[in-house]
Amino acid sequence: MKPLLQIGYIARAHGLHGEVVLKTFDPQSTVLEEVERLVLVTRKNETKELKVTSVGESPGSDLLLSLGGIKQRLQAEDLTGSAVHVYREDLEPPAEGEFFHGDLVGLEAFTPEGQRLGKVEEVWSTGPVPNLCIRDGKTELLVPFAEEFVPKVDLAAGRVTVIPLSYEE
């Protein structure tokens, strides 16, 4: 497993004092209560390790963060679009049958019959069950991350078995 786990991205700057809004893959996650540091990978592919100085709620289900060394809005704006990671060593491992949402990103998605559907590009938490956003070129597929639609996750093999939604006319 990779030493870093992506938990979301910086959506925007907030206010004048360098705060940022974090869009997480899992709004119910308590990861930010467990860690003191984050690793950001900026749009310019620069890596920055920053200390979390405060965590609060932002409108919607996003989080408002203050980060060490980021004191002005322009500094915060430079972080917009950055992928936000935590060190796995700073976290309790998930229970049997549970997964960090960030571990699902990058998995190859296949039907039970073995047809490749694409790659899990994002995890959207838009309701009671997160959705896997699977893309293959211009094709995009949203699948609820529930056992009836995702019967198997094999992190070691880098793949997930998906039963796509079918719509009857």
Protein backbone atom coordinates (compact mmCIF):
# COMPACT_ATOMS: atom_id res chain seq x y z
CA MET A 1 0.00 0.00 0.00
CA LYS A 2 1.05 3.54 -0.65
CA PRO A 3 2.19 5.52 2.41
CA LEU A 4 -0.20 8.37 1.53
CA LEU A 5 -3.99 8.20 1.35
CA GLN A 6 -5.90 10.85 -0.59
CA ILE A 7 -8.89 12.14 1.40
CA GLY A 8 -10.11 14.93 -0.88
CA TYR A 9 -9.08 18.20 -2.46
CA ILE A 10 -8.93 21.92 -1.71
CA ALA A 11 -12.06 23.40 -3.29
CA ARG A 12 -11.38 27.09 -2.66
CA ALA A 13 -9.91 29.76 -0.43
CA HIS A 14 -12.12 31.16 2.33
CA GLY A 15 -11.88 34.58 3.91
CA LEU A 16 -8.83 36.81 4.15
CA HIS A 17 -6.67 34.88 6.63
CA GLY A 18 -5.58 31.87 4.57
CA GLU A 19 -8.32 29.38 5.39
CA VAL A 20 -9.26 26.77 2.78
CA VAL A 21 -12.34 24.67 2.10
CA LEU A 22 -11.68 20.93 1.91
CA LYS A 23 -14.01 18.75 -0.17
CA THR A 24 -13.60 15.26 1.28
CA PHE A 25 -14.38 11.91 -0.32
CA ASP A 26 -16.20 10.96 2.88
CA PRO A 27 -17.95 13.80 4.75
CA GLN A 28 -18.62 11.51 7.74
CA SER A 29 -14.93 10.68 8.12
CA THR A 30 -13.16 11.64 11.34
CA VAL A 31 -9.69 11.44 9.74
CA LEU A 32 -8.93 15.10 10.42
CA GLU A 33 -9.51 14.51 14.13
CA GLU A 34 -6.76 11.86 14.04
CA VAL A 35 -4.01 13.66 12.11
CA GLU A 36 -1.86 16.71 12.70
CA ARG A 37 -0.35 16.98 9.22
CA LEU A 38 -1.49 16.86 5.62
CA VAL A 39 0.38 16.42 2.37
CA LEU A 40 -0.89 18.56 -0.49
CA VAL A 41 -0.04 17.91 -4.13
CA THR A 42 -0.69 21.14 -6.00
CA ARG A 43 -1.86 21.60 -9.57
CA LYS A 44 1.80 22.32 -10.40
CA ASN A 45 2.65 18.88 -8.96
CA GLU A 46 4.47 20.43 -5.99
CA THR A 47 4.28 18.54 -2.71
CA LYS A 48 3.76 20.46 0.53
CA GLU A 49 3.50 19.02 4.03
CA LEU A 50 1.46 21.33 6.24
CA LYS A 51 0.32 21.21 9.83
CA VAL A 52 -3.43 21.29 10.50
CA THR A 53 -3.99 24.15 12.96
CA SER A 54 -7.81 24.08 13.04
CA VAL A 55 -10.76 22.25 11.52
CA GLY A 56 -14.28 23.63 11.31
CA GLU A 57 -17.43 23.31 9.26
CA SER A 58 -18.02 25.14 6.03
CA PRO A 59 -21.44 25.64 4.42
CA GLY A 60 -22.53 22.34 2.88
CA SER A 61 -20.76 19.24 4.08
CA ASP A 62 -17.28 20.63 3.45
CA LEU A 63 -14.61 21.38 6.04
CA LEU A 64 -12.89 24.66 6.77
CA LEU A 65 -9.16 24.29 7.48
CA SER A 66 -6.43 26.50 8.79
CA LEU A 67 -3.00 25.26 7.84
CA GLY A 68 0.38 26.16 9.32
CA GLY A 69 2.19 28.82 7.32
CA ILE A 70 -0.86 29.81 5.25
CA LYS A 71 -1.90 33.22 6.60
CA GLN A 72 -3.14 35.15 3.57
CA ARG A 73 -5.87 34.63 0.99
CA LEU A 74 -3.41 34.61 -1.93
CA GLN A 75 -1.49 31.75 -0.31
CA ALA A 76 -4.75 29.84 0.13
CA GLU A 77 -5.81 30.51 -3.46
CA ASP A 78 -2.54 28.95 -4.66
CA LEU A 79 -3.65 25.71 -2.96
CA THR A 80 -7.01 25.53 -4.77
CA GLY A 81 -7.28 22.25 -6.66
CA SER A 82 -4.59 20.54 -4.58
CA ALA A 83 -5.08 16.87 -3.76
CA VAL A 84 -5.10 16.39 0.02
CA HIS A 85 -3.40 13.32 1.48
CA VAL A 86 -2.71 11.96 4.95
CA TYR A 87 -0.06 9.51 6.07
CA ARG A 88 -1.50 6.03 6.54
CA GLU A 89 0.72 5.57 9.59
CA ASP A 90 -1.25 8.36 11.30
CA LEU A 91 -4.57 6.48 10.94
CA GLU A 92 -6.24 3.50 12.52
CA PRO A 93 -6.66 0.83 9.84
CA PRO A 94 -10.20 0.25 8.56
CA ALA A 95 -12.17 -2.69 9.96
CA GLU A 96 -12.63 -5.91 7.99
CA GLY A 97 -14.81 -5.24 4.94
CA GLU A 98 -14.38 -1.47 5.24
CA PHE A 99 -12.26 0.72 2.98
CA PHE A 100 -10.84 4.20 2.94
CA HIS A 101 -12.60 6.00 0.10
CA GLY A 102 -9.22 7.24 -1.14
CA ASP A 103 -8.12 3.62 -1.66
CA LEU A 104 -10.94 3.14 -4.16
CA VAL A 105 -9.67 5.93 -6.42
CA GLY A 106 -7.50 4.45 -9.16
CA LEU A 107 -8.98 0.95 -9.08
CA GLU A 108 -9.90 -0.63 -12.41
CA ALA A 109 -13.63 -1.45 -12.60
CA PHE A 110 -14.90 -4.65 -14.21
CA THR A 111 -18.28 -6.34 -14.55
CA PRO A 112 -18.68 -9.80 -12.97
CA GLU A 113 -18.21 -11.20 -16.49
CA GLY A 114 -14.81 -9.48 -16.78
CA GLN A 115 -15.70 -6.56 -19.07
CA ARG A 116 -13.58 -3.49 -18.24
CA LEU A 117 -15.72 -0.45 -17.46
CA GLY A 118 -12.96 2.06 -16.72
CA LYS A 119 -11.14 3.45 -13.75
CA VAL A 120 -12.54 4.80 -10.49
CA GLU A 121 -11.60 8.46 -10.82
CA GLU A 122 -13.54 9.93 -7.88
CA VAL A 123 -15.79 9.01 -4.99
CA TRP A 124 -18.80 11.29 -4.69
CA SER A 125 -20.55 11.58 -1.34
CA THR A 126 -23.85 13.08 -2.42
CA GLY A 127 -26.25 11.13 -0.24
CA PRO A 128 -26.48 8.27 2.22
CA VAL A 129 -24.29 6.01 0.04
CA PRO A 130 -21.15 7.25 -1.73
CA ASN A 131 -20.95 6.82 -5.50
CA LEU A 132 -17.98 5.59 -7.49
CA CYS A 133 -17.36 7.78 -10.51
CA ILE A 134 -15.91 5.44 -13.14
CA ARG A 135 -14.52 6.93 -16.34
CA ASP A 136 -13.26 5.40 -19.54
CA GLY A 137 -12.45 8.10 -22.06
CA LYS A 138 -15.63 10.08 -22.62
CA THR A 139 -17.84 7.52 -20.87
CA GLU A 140 -18.76 8.19 -17.23
CA LEU A 141 -20.58 5.77 -14.97
CA LEU A 142 -21.86 6.43 -11.44
CA VAL A 143 -22.33 3.38 -9.23
CA PRO A 144 -23.52 3.38 -5.60
CA PHE A 145 -20.84 1.97 -3.31
CA ALA A 146 -23.15 -0.67 -1.82
CA GLU A 147 -22.71 -4.44 -1.80
CA GLU A 148 -25.49 -5.07 -4.34
CA PHE A 149 -23.66 -2.89 -6.91
CA VAL A 150 -20.04 -3.41 -5.76
CA PRO A 151 -19.81 -7.03 -4.61
CA LYS A 152 -16.01 -7.22 -4.55
CA VAL A 153 -13.12 -4.87 -3.86
CA ASP A 154 -9.62 -6.30 -4.36
CA LEU A 155 -7.12 -3.63 -3.34
CA ALA A 156 -4.14 -5.95 -3.85
CA ALA A 157 -5.15 -6.61 -7.47
CA GLY A 158 -6.15 -2.97 -8.02
CA ARG A 159 -9.66 -3.82 -9.16
CA VAL A 160 -13.28 -3.61 -8.18
CA THR A 161 -16.21 -5.69 -9.44
CA VAL A 162 -19.18 -3.52 -10.37
CA ILE A 163 -22.76 -4.31 -11.36
CA PRO A 164 -23.82 -1.22 -13.31
CA LEU A 165 -27.28 0.22 -12.78
CA SER A 166 -29.75 -0.79 -15.44
CA TYR A 167 -32.62 1.42 -16.44
CA GLU A 168 -35.81 -0.02 -17.80
CA GLU A 169 -37.88 2.03 -20.19
